[in-house]
Each structure stands twice: as structure tokens, then as C-alpha cells.
Amino acid sequence: DNISMSTELDKSIGARLRHFRTVAGFTQEQLAESVDCEISTIAHCENGKDRISLTLLSKIADKLNVELYKFFTIREFETDTRTIESIIELLKQADRTQLGLI
């Protein structure tokens, strides 16, 4: 076993991290600064390239105002992602009047 090789769990936690970070309106740089780590650490964790420590994940969860368990709950995250993607597609198709109403 190669410890540096990413696992499906690392990748799915990284995808959730990216999702929750973007929903909270943070850039990778802003999040890294707020939890006192390197930007590359955030990027590598989001890509599933590196395994995130539970300590860092806990700090990130606090900063993003997300309960820690949500990084490990697949079904809920997938539902949220599909819903958000659907909303984004609707927003892209909306005209100025519709956007004003939204």
C-alpha cells in the first residue's frame, strides 16, 4: 500500500470540502489563511491528492459553519450537489427580469 495514493474516501471528502468552501464564498486562499495552512494543502485535499487530517478538517468545518459529519455523509451531499447544479442551470437561463425577481 502506498500511503500517498489517494483513496475514494479522500476524493469524496475533498469534493465535499470544495463544495462547502464555494457555498460559503471562500477562495482556497481565504480558507487557507483562516485556518493557518498553505493554499496548496487546501488544493491538494480538495483534489483528493492528499489526505486531510481530522484536526484540519475540524478547523475548516468550524470556519465554513458546517457540521463535521457532513464531510462523511455521501447521500446528503450528492442530493445537495444535484439541487445546487439544477438551480445554477436555471439561473443561467433566466433573463434580467427573472433574475431581478429571484
N, C-alpha and C. Protein backbone atom coordinates (compact mmCIF):
# COMPACT_ATOMS: atom_id res chain seq x y z
N ASP A 1 0.83 -1.20 0.00
CA ASP A 1 0.00 0.00 0.00
C ASP A 1 0.87 1.25 0.00
N ASN A 2 0.53 2.16 -0.87
CA ASN A 2 1.24 3.44 -0.95
C ASN A 2 0.41 4.47 -0.20
N ILE A 3 0.95 4.98 0.89
CA ILE A 3 0.20 5.92 1.75
C ILE A 3 -0.16 7.19 1.00
N SER A 4 0.69 7.65 0.07
CA SER A 4 0.41 8.89 -0.64
C SER A 4 -0.65 8.72 -1.72
N MET A 5 -0.99 7.49 -2.07
CA MET A 5 -2.00 7.26 -3.08
C MET A 5 -3.38 7.60 -2.51
N SER A 6 -4.11 8.41 -3.23
CA SER A 6 -5.40 8.85 -2.71
C SER A 6 -6.43 7.72 -2.82
N THR A 7 -7.35 7.74 -1.91
CA THR A 7 -8.42 6.76 -1.89
C THR A 7 -9.72 7.43 -2.32
N GLU A 8 -10.72 6.62 -2.56
CA GLU A 8 -12.04 7.17 -2.90
C GLU A 8 -12.56 8.04 -1.76
N LEU A 9 -12.29 7.66 -0.52
CA LEU A 9 -12.73 8.46 0.62
C LEU A 9 -12.06 9.83 0.60
N ASP A 10 -10.74 9.86 0.33
CA ASP A 10 -10.03 11.14 0.25
C ASP A 10 -10.64 12.03 -0.82
N LYS A 11 -10.96 11.42 -1.97
CA LYS A 11 -11.54 12.18 -3.08
C LYS A 11 -12.94 12.69 -2.74
N SER A 12 -13.74 11.87 -2.08
CA SER A 12 -15.10 12.32 -1.77
C SER A 12 -15.10 13.38 -0.67
N ILE A 13 -14.21 13.26 0.31
CA ILE A 13 -14.09 14.31 1.33
C ILE A 13 -13.59 15.60 0.67
N GLY A 14 -12.64 15.47 -0.25
CA GLY A 14 -12.13 16.64 -0.97
C GLY A 14 -13.21 17.33 -1.78
N ALA A 15 -14.07 16.54 -2.42
CA ALA A 15 -15.17 17.12 -3.21
C ALA A 15 -16.14 17.86 -2.30
N ARG A 16 -16.42 17.30 -1.14
CA ARG A 16 -17.31 17.97 -0.18
C ARG A 16 -16.67 19.25 0.34
N LEU A 17 -15.37 19.18 0.60
CA LEU A 17 -14.64 20.36 1.06
C LEU A 17 -14.77 21.48 0.03
N ARG A 18 -14.54 21.18 -1.24
CA ARG A 18 -14.67 22.18 -2.30
C ARG A 18 -16.09 22.73 -2.35
N HIS A 19 -17.07 21.83 -2.27
CA HIS A 19 -18.48 22.23 -2.30
C HIS A 19 -18.80 23.19 -1.16
N PHE A 20 -18.50 22.79 0.06
CA PHE A 20 -18.83 23.63 1.22
C PHE A 20 -18.06 24.94 1.20
N ARG A 21 -16.80 24.92 0.72
CA ARG A 21 -16.00 26.15 0.64
C ARG A 21 -16.63 27.13 -0.34
N THR A 22 -17.02 26.64 -1.50
CA THR A 22 -17.58 27.55 -2.51
C THR A 22 -18.96 28.06 -2.08
N VAL A 23 -19.76 27.20 -1.47
CA VAL A 23 -21.07 27.63 -0.97
C VAL A 23 -20.90 28.74 0.09
N ALA A 24 -19.86 28.61 0.91
CA ALA A 24 -19.60 29.62 1.95
C ALA A 24 -18.96 30.89 1.38
N GLY A 25 -18.56 30.85 0.10
CA GLY A 25 -18.00 32.04 -0.53
C GLY A 25 -16.52 32.28 -0.26
N PHE A 26 -15.81 31.24 0.14
CA PHE A 26 -14.37 31.35 0.40
C PHE A 26 -13.58 30.93 -0.83
N THR A 27 -12.47 31.63 -1.10
CA THR A 27 -11.49 31.13 -2.06
C THR A 27 -10.60 30.15 -1.31
N GLN A 28 -9.81 29.38 -2.04
CA GLN A 28 -8.86 28.49 -1.37
C GLN A 28 -7.90 29.30 -0.52
N GLU A 29 -7.47 30.45 -1.04
CA GLU A 29 -6.53 31.30 -0.31
C GLU A 29 -7.14 31.82 0.99
N GLN A 30 -8.37 32.30 0.93
CA GLN A 30 -9.04 32.83 2.12
C GLN A 30 -9.21 31.74 3.18
N LEU A 31 -9.61 30.55 2.74
CA LEU A 31 -9.80 29.46 3.69
C LEU A 31 -8.47 29.06 4.31
N ALA A 32 -7.44 28.95 3.49
CA ALA A 32 -6.11 28.57 3.99
C ALA A 32 -5.63 29.57 5.05
N GLU A 33 -5.80 30.86 4.77
CA GLU A 33 -5.39 31.89 5.73
C GLU A 33 -6.18 31.78 7.03
N SER A 34 -7.48 31.49 6.91
CA SER A 34 -8.33 31.48 8.11
C SER A 34 -8.07 30.27 9.01
N VAL A 35 -7.51 29.19 8.45
CA VAL A 35 -7.22 28.01 9.27
C VAL A 35 -5.72 27.79 9.43
N ASP A 36 -4.93 28.78 8.96
CA ASP A 36 -3.47 28.78 9.13
C ASP A 36 -2.80 27.56 8.49
N CYS A 37 -3.05 27.41 7.18
CA CYS A 37 -2.35 26.37 6.43
C CYS A 37 -2.00 26.91 5.05
N GLU A 38 -1.28 26.14 4.28
CA GLU A 38 -0.88 26.54 2.94
C GLU A 38 -2.05 26.39 1.96
N ILE A 39 -2.09 27.24 0.94
CA ILE A 39 -3.11 27.13 -0.10
C ILE A 39 -3.01 25.77 -0.78
N SER A 40 -1.78 25.32 -1.00
CA SER A 40 -1.57 24.03 -1.67
C SER A 40 -2.16 22.88 -0.86
N THR A 41 -2.19 23.02 0.46
CA THR A 41 -2.79 21.99 1.30
C THR A 41 -4.28 21.88 1.01
N ILE A 42 -4.96 23.03 0.93
CA ILE A 42 -6.39 23.04 0.60
C ILE A 42 -6.61 22.45 -0.79
N ALA A 43 -5.81 22.91 -1.76
CA ALA A 43 -5.96 22.44 -3.15
C ALA A 43 -5.75 20.93 -3.25
N HIS A 44 -4.70 20.43 -2.62
CA HIS A 44 -4.40 19.01 -2.69
C HIS A 44 -5.47 18.17 -1.99
N CYS A 45 -6.01 18.68 -0.90
CA CYS A 45 -7.07 17.95 -0.21
C CYS A 45 -8.35 17.94 -1.04
N GLU A 46 -8.68 19.07 -1.65
CA GLU A 46 -9.88 19.15 -2.48
C GLU A 46 -9.80 18.22 -3.68
N ASN A 47 -8.60 18.06 -4.23
CA ASN A 47 -8.42 17.19 -5.39
C ASN A 47 -8.27 15.72 -5.00
N GLY A 48 -8.23 15.44 -3.70
CA GLY A 48 -8.05 14.07 -3.25
C GLY A 48 -6.61 13.60 -3.39
N LYS A 49 -5.71 14.53 -3.67
CA LYS A 49 -4.29 14.18 -3.84
C LYS A 49 -3.64 13.87 -2.49
N ASP A 50 -4.04 14.62 -1.48
CA ASP A 50 -3.52 14.41 -0.12
C ASP A 50 -4.68 14.10 0.82
N ARG A 51 -4.39 13.35 1.84
CA ARG A 51 -5.37 13.04 2.88
C ARG A 51 -5.37 14.18 3.89
N ILE A 52 -6.55 14.69 4.18
CA ILE A 52 -6.67 15.79 5.14
C ILE A 52 -6.69 15.23 6.55
N SER A 53 -6.04 15.92 7.46
CA SER A 53 -6.05 15.47 8.85
C SER A 53 -7.40 15.83 9.47
N LEU A 54 -7.79 15.06 10.44
CA LEU A 54 -9.05 15.33 11.12
C LEU A 54 -8.99 16.67 11.86
N THR A 55 -7.83 17.01 12.35
CA THR A 55 -7.65 18.30 13.03
C THR A 55 -7.92 19.45 12.09
N LEU A 56 -7.32 19.40 10.89
CA LEU A 56 -7.52 20.46 9.91
C LEU A 56 -8.97 20.47 9.42
N LEU A 57 -9.53 19.30 9.17
CA LEU A 57 -10.91 19.23 8.71
C LEU A 57 -11.86 19.83 9.74
N SER A 58 -11.58 19.60 11.00
CA SER A 58 -12.40 20.18 12.07
C SER A 58 -12.31 21.70 12.08
N LYS A 59 -11.11 22.26 11.89
CA LYS A 59 -10.94 23.72 11.82
C LYS A 59 -11.71 24.28 10.62
N ILE A 60 -11.60 23.59 9.49
CA ILE A 60 -12.28 24.04 8.27
C ILE A 60 -13.79 24.00 8.47
N ALA A 61 -14.29 22.92 9.05
CA ALA A 61 -15.73 22.80 9.31
C ALA A 61 -16.22 23.97 10.16
N ASP A 62 -15.45 24.33 11.18
CA ASP A 62 -15.82 25.47 12.04
C ASP A 62 -15.87 26.76 11.23
N LYS A 63 -14.84 27.00 10.40
CA LYS A 63 -14.78 28.24 9.60
C LYS A 63 -15.91 28.31 8.58
N LEU A 64 -16.27 27.15 8.01
CA LEU A 64 -17.31 27.13 6.98
C LEU A 64 -18.71 26.98 7.58
N ASN A 65 -18.77 26.84 8.91
CA ASN A 65 -20.04 26.67 9.62
C ASN A 65 -20.79 25.42 9.13
N VAL A 66 -20.03 24.34 8.98
CA VAL A 66 -20.58 23.06 8.52
C VAL A 66 -20.29 22.03 9.62
N GLU A 67 -21.28 21.22 9.95
CA GLU A 67 -21.05 20.18 10.94
C GLU A 67 -20.10 19.15 10.35
N LEU A 68 -19.15 18.70 11.15
CA LEU A 68 -18.09 17.81 10.70
C LEU A 68 -18.62 16.55 10.02
N TYR A 69 -19.69 15.98 10.53
CA TYR A 69 -20.20 14.72 9.97
C TYR A 69 -20.62 14.88 8.50
N LYS A 70 -20.94 16.10 8.07
CA LYS A 70 -21.40 16.31 6.70
C LYS A 70 -20.31 16.04 5.67
N PHE A 71 -19.05 16.05 6.09
CA PHE A 71 -17.96 15.72 5.18
C PHE A 71 -17.92 14.21 4.89
N PHE A 72 -18.66 13.44 5.69
CA PHE A 72 -18.65 11.99 5.57
C PHE A 72 -20.00 11.42 5.16
N THR A 73 -20.99 12.28 4.94
CA THR A 73 -22.34 11.83 4.61
C THR A 73 -22.55 11.95 3.11
N ILE A 74 -22.45 10.85 2.41
CA ILE A 74 -22.47 10.85 0.96
C ILE A 74 -23.84 11.22 0.40
N ARG A 75 -24.87 10.55 0.82
CA ARG A 75 -26.20 10.74 0.23
C ARG A 75 -26.66 12.19 0.32
N GLU A 76 -26.54 12.78 1.48
CA GLU A 76 -26.98 14.17 1.67
C GLU A 76 -26.20 15.11 0.76
N PHE A 77 -24.89 14.91 0.66
CA PHE A 77 -24.05 15.77 -0.17
C PHE A 77 -24.44 15.65 -1.63
N GLU A 78 -24.64 14.42 -2.11
CA GLU A 78 -24.98 14.23 -3.51
C GLU A 78 -26.31 14.90 -3.84
N THR A 79 -27.27 14.81 -2.93
CA THR A 79 -28.56 15.45 -3.14
C THR A 79 -28.38 16.96 -3.20
N ASP A 80 -27.62 17.50 -2.27
CA ASP A 80 -27.37 18.94 -2.25
C ASP A 80 -26.68 19.38 -3.55
N THR A 81 -25.72 18.62 -4.01
CA THR A 81 -25.00 18.98 -5.22
C THR A 81 -25.92 19.00 -6.42
N ARG A 82 -26.74 17.98 -6.56
CA ARG A 82 -27.67 17.94 -7.70
C ARG A 82 -28.64 19.11 -7.65
N THR A 83 -29.15 19.41 -6.47
CA THR A 83 -30.08 20.53 -6.32
C THR A 83 -29.41 21.84 -6.69
N ILE A 84 -28.22 22.05 -6.19
CA ILE A 84 -27.49 23.29 -6.47
C ILE A 84 -27.17 23.40 -7.95
N GLU A 85 -26.74 22.30 -8.57
CA GLU A 85 -26.45 22.33 -10.00
C GLU A 85 -27.70 22.67 -10.81
N SER A 86 -28.85 22.13 -10.40
CA SER A 86 -30.11 22.43 -11.09
C SER A 86 -30.46 23.91 -10.96
N ILE A 87 -30.27 24.45 -9.78
CA ILE A 87 -30.56 25.87 -9.55
C ILE A 87 -29.62 26.74 -10.39
N ILE A 88 -28.35 26.37 -10.45
CA ILE A 88 -27.39 27.14 -11.25
C ILE A 88 -27.80 27.13 -12.72
N GLU A 89 -28.22 25.97 -13.23
CA GLU A 89 -28.65 25.89 -14.63
C GLU A 89 -29.87 26.80 -14.87
N LEU A 90 -30.81 26.80 -13.94
CA LEU A 90 -31.98 27.67 -14.08
C LEU A 90 -31.57 29.14 -14.06
N LEU A 91 -30.63 29.49 -13.20
CA LEU A 91 -30.17 30.87 -13.13
C LEU A 91 -29.48 31.29 -14.42
N LYS A 92 -28.71 30.38 -15.03
CA LYS A 92 -28.03 30.69 -16.28
C LYS A 92 -29.03 30.98 -17.40
N GLN A 93 -30.21 30.35 -17.34
CA GLN A 93 -31.21 30.51 -18.39
C GLN A 93 -32.15 31.68 -18.14
N ALA A 94 -32.09 32.25 -16.96
CA ALA A 94 -33.02 33.32 -16.59
C ALA A 94 -32.65 34.64 -17.28
N ASP A 95 -33.68 35.41 -17.61
CA ASP A 95 -33.42 36.73 -18.19
C ASP A 95 -33.31 37.75 -17.05
N ARG A 96 -33.07 39.01 -17.40
CA ARG A 96 -32.85 40.05 -16.38
C ARG A 96 -34.07 40.20 -15.46
N THR A 97 -35.25 40.15 -16.00
CA THR A 97 -36.45 40.29 -15.19
C THR A 97 -36.57 39.17 -14.19
N GLN A 98 -36.35 37.94 -14.67
CA GLN A 98 -36.40 36.79 -13.78
C GLN A 98 -35.34 36.88 -12.69
N LEU A 99 -34.14 37.27 -13.08
CA LEU A 99 -33.07 37.41 -12.10
C LEU A 99 -33.41 38.47 -11.06
N GLY A 100 -34.04 39.55 -11.49
CA GLY A 100 -34.46 40.60 -10.57
C GLY A 100 -35.49 40.07 -9.57
N LEU A 101 -36.40 39.23 -10.04
CA LEU A 101 -37.40 38.65 -9.14
C LEU A 101 -36.79 37.68 -8.15
N ILE A 102 -35.77 36.96 -8.61
CA ILE A 102 -35.10 35.97 -7.74
C ILE A 102 -34.38 36.71 -6.64
